[in-house]
């Protein structure tokens, strides 16, 4: 086998070693597949199915809509679409099936689509959970990918065990909050500490602006502009209030000043 094929075989065998020889079918993407890998897995009693890069496959005809190439243990299927890679399988025959759209397609292709449906959803979630910056080192990319994959697997287990309907985004936020509380338990006592040492409550905790409604009992005059001691006080109308402090504040800059400065 070629060097790249030998690398694929050794890496794949290391990952699926506990499942070899038990009648399982391995569905994979095109990253490390090769005919040599599929033949070796077949000898170990494990079938496989997945796309294979054209460089590792024999030539297909460009005139046929669907073309099958096969040996005694392997089946290769290529449909007339340049974007599709040939599908290699050691478990399927040349039978055709009807997909959900009512179109006829090779049975191995329909089976592969069903088997990889959850994997496609996982890829969408992983792509959605980006970190805002592209890592410069390859091992940083590997670490972030493994971490995101772990969170995705935990999300799937959580949904299965709890039977609750939630989004991946909400699950990530809950996980972050729990990790922060686990590693920094003193953060939850911030309010108690602040009250003990005499720090104003407006300088602690989480504060968010909220639009002032017409039926609200809160005045629409900015509290900082009206009661400031560092500049001339004035009456300034505002459309926002702090949800927790129940004080009307200009969105900029009074909201930040009120919650970060002791003397404003």
C-alpha atoms as a PDB file:
ATOM      1  CA  UNK A   1       0.000   0.000   0.000  1.00  0.00           C
ATOM      2  CA  UNK A   2       1.059   3.603  -0.455  1.00  0.00           C
ATOM      3  CA  UNK A   3       2.451   5.487   2.517  1.00  0.00           C
ATOM      4  CA  UNK A   4      -0.666   7.629   2.891  1.00  0.00           C
ATOM      5  CA  UNK A   5      -2.803   4.481   2.744  1.00  0.00           C
ATOM      6  CA  UNK A   6      -0.707   2.779   5.441  1.00  0.00           C
ATOM      7  CA  UNK A   7      -1.091   5.836   7.644  1.00  0.00           C
ATOM      8  CA  UNK A   8      -4.871   5.735   7.098  1.00  0.00           C
ATOM      9  CA  UNK A   9      -5.002   2.055   8.003  1.00  0.00           C
ATOM     10  CA  UNK A  10      -2.991   2.432  11.209  1.00  0.00           C
ATOM     11  CA  UNK A  11      -4.930   5.491  12.419  1.00  0.00           C
ATOM     12  CA  UNK A  12      -8.347   4.027  11.617  1.00  0.00           C
ATOM     13  CA  UNK A  13      -7.525   0.674  13.236  1.00  0.00           C
ATOM     14  CA  UNK A  14      -6.403   2.430  16.393  1.00  0.00           C
ATOM     15  CA  UNK A  15      -9.741   4.249  16.646  1.00  0.00           C
ATOM     16  CA  UNK A  16     -12.029   1.294  15.849  1.00  0.00           C
ATOM     17  CA  UNK A  17     -10.000  -1.497  17.481  1.00  0.00           C
ATOM     18  CA  UNK A  18     -12.647  -2.287  20.168  1.00  0.00           C
ATOM     19  CA  UNK A  19     -15.303  -2.781  17.455  1.00  0.00           C
ATOM     20  CA  UNK A  20     -13.414  -4.975  14.976  1.00  0.00           C
ATOM     21  CA  UNK A  21     -14.767  -8.420  14.131  1.00  0.00           C
ATOM     22  CA  UNK A  22     -18.206  -7.785  15.690  1.00  0.00           C
ATOM     23  CA  UNK A  23     -20.237  -7.305  12.502  1.00  0.00           C
ATOM     24  CA  UNK A  24     -20.275  -3.499  12.618  1.00  0.00           C
ATOM     25  CA  UNK A  25     -20.315  -1.282   9.502  1.00  0.00           C
ATOM     26  CA  UNK A  26     -17.931   1.684   9.531  1.00  0.00           C
ATOM     27  CA  UNK A  27     -19.233   4.829   7.761  1.00  0.00           C
ATOM     28  CA  UNK A  28     -16.524   7.426   7.105  1.00  0.00           C
ATOM     29  CA  UNK A  29     -15.787  10.610   5.188  1.00  0.00           C
ATOM     30  CA  UNK A  30     -13.176  10.928   2.431  1.00  0.00           C
ATOM     31  CA  UNK A  31     -10.259  12.087   4.574  1.00  0.00           C
ATOM     32  CA  UNK A  32      -8.499   8.764   5.129  1.00  0.00           C
ATOM     33  CA  UNK A  33     -10.315   6.242   2.946  1.00  0.00           C
ATOM     34  CA  UNK A  34      -8.653   3.984   0.400  1.00  0.00           C
ATOM     35  CA  UNK A  35      -9.395   0.613  -1.239  1.00  0.00           C
ATOM     36  CA  UNK A  36      -6.495  -0.865   0.766  1.00  0.00           C
ATOM     37  CA  UNK A  37      -8.107   0.222   4.044  1.00  0.00           C
ATOM     38  CA  UNK A  38     -11.475  -1.252   3.091  1.00  0.00           C
ATOM     39  CA  UNK A  39      -9.903  -4.577   2.080  1.00  0.00           C
ATOM     40  CA  UNK A  40      -7.961  -4.783   5.335  1.00  0.00           C
ATOM     41  CA  UNK A  41     -11.064  -4.000   7.409  1.00  0.00           C
ATOM     42  CA  UNK A  42     -12.963  -6.703   5.504  1.00  0.00           C
ATOM     43  CA  UNK A  43     -10.313  -9.278   6.451  1.00  0.00           C
ATOM     44  CA  UNK A  44     -10.807  -8.277  10.097  1.00  0.00           C
ATOM     45  CA  UNK A  45     -14.555  -8.884   9.882  1.00  0.00           C
ATOM     46  CA  UNK A  46     -15.638  -5.248   9.655  1.00  0.00           C
ATOM     47  CA  UNK A  47     -17.436  -3.763   6.657  1.00  0.00           C
ATOM     48  CA  UNK A  48     -17.039  -0.133   5.598  1.00  0.00           C
ATOM     49  CA  UNK A  49     -18.702   2.443   3.376  1.00  0.00           C
ATOM     50  CA  UNK A  50     -17.652   5.952   2.411  1.00  0.00           C
ATOM     51  CA  UNK A  51     -16.428   8.278  -0.366  1.00  0.00           C
ATOM     52  CA  UNK A  52     -12.885   7.832  -1.709  1.00  0.00           C
ATOM     53  CA  UNK A  53     -10.782  10.393  -3.536  1.00  0.00           C
ATOM     54  CA  UNK A  54     -10.522   9.966  -7.287  1.00  0.00           C
ATOM     55  CA  UNK A  55      -6.715   9.727  -7.158  1.00  0.00           C
ATOM     56  CA  UNK A  56      -6.999   6.412  -5.326  1.00  0.00           C
ATOM     57  CA  UNK A  57      -9.638   4.925  -7.640  1.00  0.00           C
ATOM     58  CA  UNK A  58      -9.658   3.496 -11.185  1.00  0.00           C
ATOM     59  CA  UNK A  59     -10.951   5.613 -14.055  1.00  0.00           C
ATOM     60  CA  UNK A  60     -14.705   5.992 -14.449  1.00  0.00           C
ATOM     61  CA  UNK A  61     -16.580   6.653 -17.642  1.00  0.00           C
ATOM     62  CA  UNK A  62     -17.975  10.191 -18.039  1.00  0.00           C
ATOM     63  CA  UNK A  63     -20.841   9.107 -20.289  1.00  0.00           C
ATOM     64  CA  UNK A  64     -22.833   6.953 -17.878  1.00  0.00           C
ATOM     65  CA  UNK A  65     -25.320   8.414 -15.396  1.00  0.00           C
ATOM     66  CA  UNK A  66     -24.394   5.831 -12.748  1.00  0.00           C
ATOM     67  CA  UNK A  67     -21.444   3.486 -13.050  1.00  0.00           C
ATOM     68  CA  UNK A  68     -20.549   0.479 -10.877  1.00  0.00           C
ATOM     69  CA  UNK A  69     -17.083  -1.055 -10.563  1.00  0.00           C
ATOM     70  CA  UNK A  70     -16.628  -4.065  -8.319  1.00  0.00           C
ATOM     71  CA  UNK A  71     -14.316  -6.841  -7.216  1.00  0.00           C
ATOM     72  CA  UNK A  72     -15.121  -9.897  -5.140  1.00  0.00           C
ATOM     73  CA  UNK A  73     -15.370  -7.784  -1.964  1.00  0.00           C
ATOM     74  CA  UNK A  74     -15.510  -4.095  -2.959  1.00  0.00           C
ATOM     75  CA  UNK A  75     -18.095  -2.015  -4.815  1.00  0.00           C
ATOM     76  CA  UNK A  76     -17.352   1.452  -6.220  1.00  0.00           C
ATOM     77  CA  UNK A  77     -20.187   3.728  -7.396  1.00  0.00           C
ATOM     78  CA  UNK A  78     -19.763   6.949  -9.368  1.00  0.00           C
ATOM     79  CA  UNK A  79     -22.635   9.165 -10.446  1.00  0.00           C
ATOM     80  CA  UNK A  80     -22.271  11.733 -13.212  1.00  0.00           C
ATOM     81  CA  UNK A  81     -21.594  14.726 -10.989  1.00  0.00           C
ATOM     82  CA  UNK A  82     -18.142  16.264 -10.791  1.00  0.00           C
ATOM     83  CA  UNK A  83     -18.744  17.421  -7.224  1.00  0.00           C
ATOM     84  CA  UNK A  84     -19.453  13.907  -5.960  1.00  0.00           C
ATOM     85  CA  UNK A  85     -16.665  11.520  -5.006  1.00  0.00           C
ATOM     86  CA  UNK A  86     -17.041   7.837  -5.846  1.00  0.00           C
ATOM     87  CA  UNK A  87     -18.588   5.831  -3.038  1.00  0.00           C
ATOM     88  CA  UNK A  88     -16.751   2.694  -1.963  1.00  0.00           C
ATOM     89  CA  UNK A  89     -18.466  -0.069  -0.024  1.00  0.00           C
ATOM     90  CA  UNK A  90     -17.734  -3.590   1.170  1.00  0.00           C
ATOM     91  CA  UNK A  91     -21.261  -4.270   2.390  1.00  0.00           C
ATOM     92  CA  UNK A  92     -23.615  -3.220  -0.458  1.00  0.00           C
ATOM     93  CA  UNK A  93     -24.616  -4.599  -3.849  1.00  0.00           C
ATOM     94  CA  UNK A  94     -25.521  -2.844  -7.107  1.00  0.00           C
ATOM     95  CA  UNK A  95     -29.191  -2.561  -6.076  1.00  0.00           C
ATOM     96  CA  UNK A  96     -31.061   0.717  -6.560  1.00  0.00           C
ATOM     97  CA  UNK A  97     -33.358   2.426  -4.052  1.00  0.00           C
ATOM     98  CA  UNK A  98     -35.902   5.269  -4.020  1.00  0.00           C
ATOM     99  CA  UNK A  99     -34.900   8.247  -1.866  1.00  0.00           C
ATOM    100  CA  UNK A 100     -37.187  10.655   0.024  1.00  0.00           C
ATOM    101  CA  UNK A 101     -37.519  12.872  -3.089  1.00  0.00           C
ATOM    102  CA  UNK A 102     -38.803   9.950  -5.155  1.00  0.00           C
ATOM    103  CA  UNK A 103     -35.634   9.700  -7.250  1.00  0.00           C
ATOM    104  CA  UNK A 104     -33.772   6.477  -7.910  1.00  0.00           C
ATOM    105  CA  UNK A 105     -30.252   6.191  -6.521  1.00  0.00           C
ATOM    106  CA  UNK A 106     -27.816   3.402  -5.620  1.00  0.00           C
ATOM    107  CA  UNK A 107     -28.746   1.601  -2.418  1.00  0.00           C
ATOM    108  CA  UNK A 108     -25.304   2.210  -0.918  1.00  0.00           C
ATOM    109  CA  UNK A 109     -25.683   5.968  -1.446  1.00  0.00           C
ATOM    110  CA  UNK A 110     -29.102   6.042   0.215  1.00  0.00           C
ATOM    111  CA  UNK A 111     -27.831   3.957   3.128  1.00  0.00           C
ATOM    112  CA  UNK A 112     -24.766   6.178   3.520  1.00  0.00           C
ATOM    113  CA  UNK A 113     -26.910   9.339   3.599  1.00  0.00           C
ATOM    114  CA  UNK A 114     -29.114   7.880   6.345  1.00  0.00           C
ATOM    115  CA  UNK A 115     -26.129   6.738   8.409  1.00  0.00           C
ATOM    116  CA  UNK A 116     -24.295  10.074   8.162  1.00  0.00           C
ATOM    117  CA  UNK A 117     -27.308  12.312   8.846  1.00  0.00           C
ATOM    118  CA  UNK A 118     -26.428  12.845  12.527  1.00  0.00           C
ATOM    119  CA  UNK A 119     -22.790  13.411  11.606  1.00  0.00           C
ATOM    120  CA  UNK A 120     -23.785  16.202   9.215  1.00  0.00           C
ATOM    121  CA  UNK A 121     -25.756  17.897  11.993  1.00  0.00           C
ATOM    122  CA  UNK A 122     -22.699  17.632  14.208  1.00  0.00           C
ATOM    123  CA  UNK A 123     -20.507  19.269  11.556  1.00  0.00           C
ATOM    124  CA  UNK A 124     -22.998  22.150  11.291  1.00  0.00           C
ATOM    125  CA  UNK A 125     -22.883  22.674  15.065  1.00  0.00           C
ATOM    126  CA  UNK A 126     -19.091  22.554  15.144  1.00  0.00           C
ATOM    127  CA  UNK A 127     -18.817  25.062  12.293  1.00  0.00           C
ATOM    128  CA  UNK A 128     -21.337  27.327  14.046  1.00  0.00           C
ATOM    129  CA  UNK A 129     -19.347  27.338  17.303  1.00  0.00           C
ATOM    130  CA  UNK A 130     -16.375  29.320  16.027  1.00  0.00           C
ATOM    131  CA  UNK A 131     -14.022  31.148  18.362  1.00  0.00           C
ATOM    132  CA  UNK A 132     -13.835  34.472  16.544  1.00  0.00           C
ATOM    133  CA  UNK A 133     -10.128  34.165  15.772  1.00  0.00           C
ATOM    134  CA  UNK A 134      -8.239  31.750  13.539  1.00  0.00           C
ATOM    135  CA  UNK A 135      -5.535  29.862  15.481  1.00  0.00           C
ATOM    136  CA  UNK A 136      -2.009  30.321  14.152  1.00  0.00           C
ATOM    137  CA  UNK A 137      -0.606  26.974  15.295  1.00  0.00           C
ATOM    138  CA  UNK A 138      -1.859  23.649  13.970  1.00  0.00           C
ATOM    139  CA  UNK A 139      -2.049  22.154  17.466  1.00  0.00           C
ATOM    140  CA  UNK A 140      -4.295  25.035  18.559  1.00  0.00           C
ATOM    141  CA  UNK A 141      -6.706  24.113  15.769  1.00  0.00           C
ATOM    142  CA  UNK A 142      -6.612  20.455  16.827  1.00  0.00           C
ATOM    143  CA  UNK A 143      -7.246  21.387  20.470  1.00  0.00           C
ATOM    144  CA  UNK A 144     -10.190  23.657  19.673  1.00  0.00           C
ATOM    145  CA  UNK A 145     -11.675  21.085  17.299  1.00  0.00           C
ATOM    146  CA  UNK A 146     -11.411  18.316  19.904  1.00  0.00           C
ATOM    147  CA  UNK A 147     -12.899  20.587  22.567  1.00  0.00           C
ATOM    148  CA  UNK A 148     -15.837  21.572  20.338  1.00  0.00           C
ATOM    149  CA  UNK A 149     -16.411  17.933  19.342  1.00  0.00           C
ATOM    150  CA  UNK A 150     -16.436  16.958  23.027  1.00  0.00           C
ATOM    151  CA  UNK A 151     -19.034  19.635  23.799  1.00  0.00           C
ATOM    152  CA  UNK A 152     -21.125  18.473  20.832  1.00  0.00           C
ATOM    153  CA  UNK A 153     -21.003  14.849  22.045  1.00  0.00           C
ATOM    154  CA  UNK A 154     -21.976  15.988  25.542  1.00  0.00           C
ATOM    155  CA  UNK A 155     -24.902  17.923  24.027  1.00  0.00           C
ATOM    156  CA  UNK A 156     -26.157  14.805  22.229  1.00  0.00           C
ATOM    157  CA  UNK A 157     -25.869  12.706  25.416  1.00  0.00           C
ATOM    158  CA  UNK A 158     -27.687  15.405  27.391  1.00  0.00           C
ATOM    159  CA  UNK A 159     -30.556  15.497  24.900  1.00  0.00           C
ATOM    160  CA  UNK A 160     -30.809  11.703  24.931  1.00  0.00           C
ATOM    161  CA  UNK A 161     -30.858  11.349  28.729  1.00  0.00           C
ATOM    162  CA  UNK A 162     -32.856  14.432  29.724  1.00  0.00           C
ATOM    163  CA  UNK A 163     -35.393  14.315  26.879  1.00  0.00           C
ATOM    164  CA  UNK A 164     -35.356  18.125  26.920  1.00  0.00           C
ATOM    165  CA  UNK A 165     -35.501  20.319  23.836  1.00  0.00           C
ATOM    166  CA  UNK A 166     -32.774  22.956  23.854  1.00  0.00           C
ATOM    167  CA  UNK A 167     -30.407  24.543  21.385  1.00  0.00           C
ATOM    168  CA  UNK A 168     -26.688  23.898  21.120  1.00  0.00           C
ATOM    169  CA  UNK A 169     -26.078  27.600  21.828  1.00  0.00           C
ATOM    170  CA  UNK A 170     -28.054  27.500  25.098  1.00  0.00           C
ATOM    171  CA  UNK A 171     -26.288  24.305  26.119  1.00  0.00           C
ATOM    172  CA  UNK A 172     -22.908  25.979  25.579  1.00  0.00           C
ATOM    173  CA  UNK A 173     -23.876  28.985  27.738  1.00  0.00           C
ATOM    174  CA  UNK A 174     -25.110  26.726  30.556  1.00  0.00           C
ATOM    175  CA  UNK A 175     -21.910  24.695  30.354  1.00  0.00           C
ATOM    176  CA  UNK A 176     -19.748  27.840  30.550  1.00  0.00           C
ATOM    177  CA  UNK A 177     -21.696  29.082  33.589  1.00  0.00           C
ATOM    178  CA  UNK A 178     -21.319  25.747  35.381  1.00  0.00           C
ATOM    179  CA  UNK A 179     -17.582  25.602  34.663  1.00  0.00           C
ATOM    180  CA  UNK A 180     -17.119  29.138  35.990  1.00  0.00           C
ATOM    181  CA  UNK A 181     -19.042  28.346  39.177  1.00  0.00           C
ATOM    182  CA  UNK A 182     -17.068  25.124  39.630  1.00  0.00           C
ATOM    183  CA  UNK A 183     -13.663  26.771  39.263  1.00  0.00           C
ATOM    184  CA  UNK A 184     -14.527  30.156  40.824  1.00  0.00           C
ATOM    185  CA  UNK A 185     -17.067  29.516  43.613  1.00  0.00           C
ATOM    186  CA  UNK A 186     -16.311  32.916  45.144  1.00  0.00           C
ATOM    187  CA  UNK A 187     -17.949  34.693  42.209  1.00  0.00           C
ATOM    188  CA  UNK A 188     -21.382  33.712  43.495  1.00  0.00           C
ATOM    189  CA  UNK A 189     -20.644  35.401  46.825  1.00  0.00           C
ATOM    190  CA  UNK A 190     -19.705  38.733  45.215  1.00  0.00           C
ATOM    191  CA  UNK A 191     -22.851  40.443  46.432  1.00  0.00           C
ATOM    192  CA  UNK A 192     -22.386  39.260  50.012  1.00  0.00           C
ATOM    193  CA  UNK A 193     -18.776  40.435  50.046  1.00  0.00           C
ATOM    194  CA  UNK A 194     -19.738  43.765  48.523  1.00  0.00           C
ATOM    195  CA  UNK A 195     -22.396  44.339  51.187  1.00  0.00           C
ATOM    196  CA  UNK A 196     -19.937  43.392  53.945  1.00  0.00           C
ATOM    197  CA  UNK A 197     -17.176  45.784  52.902  1.00  0.00           C
ATOM    198  CA  UNK A 198     -19.542  48.599  51.967  1.00  0.00           C
ATOM    199  CA  UNK A 199     -19.229  48.537  48.163  1.00  0.00           C
ATOM    200  CA  UNK A 200     -22.335  49.951  46.403  1.00  0.00           C
ATOM    201  CA  UNK A 201     -24.416  47.196  44.831  1.00  0.00           C
ATOM    202  CA  UNK A 202     -24.476  49.074  41.544  1.00  0.00           C
ATOM    203  CA  UNK A 203     -20.746  48.294  41.150  1.00  0.00           C
ATOM    204  CA  UNK A 204     -21.266  44.532  41.560  1.00  0.00           C
ATOM    205  CA  UNK A 205     -23.236  41.909  39.712  1.00  0.00           C
ATOM    206  CA  UNK A 206     -24.752  41.931  36.264  1.00  0.00           C
ATOM    207  CA  UNK A 207     -26.591  45.004  35.012  1.00  0.00           C
ATOM    208  CA  UNK A 208     -28.440  45.354  31.721  1.00  0.00           C
ATOM    209  CA  UNK A 209     -30.212  48.285  30.058  1.00  0.00           C
ATOM    210  CA  UNK A 210     -33.917  48.054  29.332  1.00  0.00           C
ATOM    211  CA  UNK A 211     -36.155  50.399  27.335  1.00  0.00           C
ATOM    212  CA  UNK A 212     -38.445  52.541  29.488  1.00  0.00           C
ATOM    213  CA  UNK A 213     -42.112  51.801  28.737  1.00  0.00           C
ATOM    214  CA  UNK A 214     -44.880  54.388  28.770  1.00  0.00           C
ATOM    215  CA  UNK A 215     -46.627  52.764  31.746  1.00  0.00           C
ATOM    216  CA  UNK A 216     -43.391  52.540  33.782  1.00  0.00           C
ATOM    217  CA  UNK A 217     -43.278  54.280  37.175  1.00  0.00           C
ATOM    218  CA  UNK A 218     -39.625  55.186  36.597  1.00  0.00           C
ATOM    219  CA  UNK A 219     -38.876  58.767  35.579  1.00  0.00           C
ATOM    220  CA  UNK A 220     -37.350  59.335  32.151  1.00  0.00           C
ATOM    221  CA  UNK A 221     -34.720  61.790  33.441  1.00  0.00           C
ATOM    222  CA  UNK A 222     -31.193  60.357  33.469  1.00  0.00           C
ATOM    223  CA  UNK A 223     -30.151  59.783  37.094  1.00  0.00           C
ATOM    224  CA  UNK A 224     -26.413  60.419  36.482  1.00  0.00           C
ATOM    225  CA  UNK A 225     -26.919  63.612  34.510  1.00  0.00           C
ATOM    226  CA  UNK A 226     -29.244  64.917  37.206  1.00  0.00           C
ATOM    227  CA  UNK A 227     -27.135  63.940  40.263  1.00  0.00           C
ATOM    228  CA  UNK A 228     -23.560  64.112  39.023  1.00  0.00           C
ATOM    229  CA  UNK A 229     -20.884  65.768  41.172  1.00  0.00           C
ATOM    230  CA  UNK A 230     -18.075  65.819  38.598  1.00  0.00           C
ATOM    231  CA  UNK A 231     -19.772  68.099  36.072  1.00  0.00           C
ATOM    232  CA  UNK A 232     -22.700  70.467  35.814  1.00  0.00           C
ATOM    233  CA  UNK A 233     -25.961  68.663  36.477  1.00  0.00           C
ATOM    234  CA  UNK A 234     -28.691  68.854  33.867  1.00  0.00           C
ATOM    235  CA  UNK A 235     -31.989  67.274  32.938  1.00  0.00           C
ATOM    236  CA  UNK A 236     -31.531  64.804  30.116  1.00  0.00           C
ATOM    237  CA  UNK A 237     -34.292  62.521  28.952  1.00  0.00           C
ATOM    238  CA  UNK A 238     -33.408  58.878  28.310  1.00  0.00           C
ATOM    239  CA  UNK A 239     -35.193  55.868  26.930  1.00  0.00           C
ATOM    240  CA  UNK A 240     -33.254  53.311  28.979  1.00  0.00           C
ATOM    241  CA  UNK A 241     -33.146  52.147  32.571  1.00  0.00           C
ATOM    242  CA  UNK A 242     -31.051  49.650  34.536  1.00  0.00           C
ATOM    243  CA  UNK A 243     -33.166  46.556  35.112  1.00  0.00           C
ATOM    244  CA  UNK A 244     -31.667  45.796  38.535  1.00  0.00           C
ATOM    245  CA  UNK A 245     -30.974  49.277  39.917  1.00  0.00           C
ATOM    246  CA  UNK A 246     -34.252  50.701  38.581  1.00  0.00           C
ATOM    247  CA  UNK A 247     -32.501  53.926  37.598  1.00  0.00           C
ATOM    248  CA  UNK A 248     -33.024  55.745  34.262  1.00  0.00           C
ATOM    249  CA  UNK A 249     -29.639  56.146  32.574  1.00  0.00           C
ATOM    250  CA  UNK A 250     -28.332  57.341  29.245  1.00  0.00           C
ATOM    251  CA  UNK A 251     -27.128  54.356  27.248  1.00  0.00           C
ATOM    252  CA  UNK A 252     -23.813  56.146  26.575  1.00  0.00           C
ATOM    253  CA  UNK A 253     -21.893  57.070  28.660  1.00  0.00           C
ATOM    254  CA  UNK A 254     -23.957  57.269  31.860  1.00  0.00           C
ATOM    255  CA  UNK A 255     -24.820  53.573  32.077  1.00  0.00           C
ATOM    256  CA  UNK A 256     -21.112  52.644  32.157  1.00  0.00           C
ATOM    257  CA  UNK A 257     -20.212  55.522  34.500  1.00  0.00           C
ATOM    258  CA  UNK A 258     -22.909  54.607  37.039  1.00  0.00           C
ATOM    259  CA  UNK A 259     -21.796  50.956  37.217  1.00  0.00           C
ATOM    260  CA  UNK A 260     -18.017  51.431  37.208  1.00  0.00           C
ATOM    261  CA  UNK A 261     -17.304  54.625  39.189  1.00  0.00           C
ATOM    262  CA  UNK A 262     -17.997  55.078  42.887  1.00  0.00           C
ATOM    263  CA  UNK A 263     -17.996  58.855  42.547  1.00  0.00           C
ATOM    264  CA  UNK A 264     -19.706  60.043  39.412  1.00  0.00           C
END
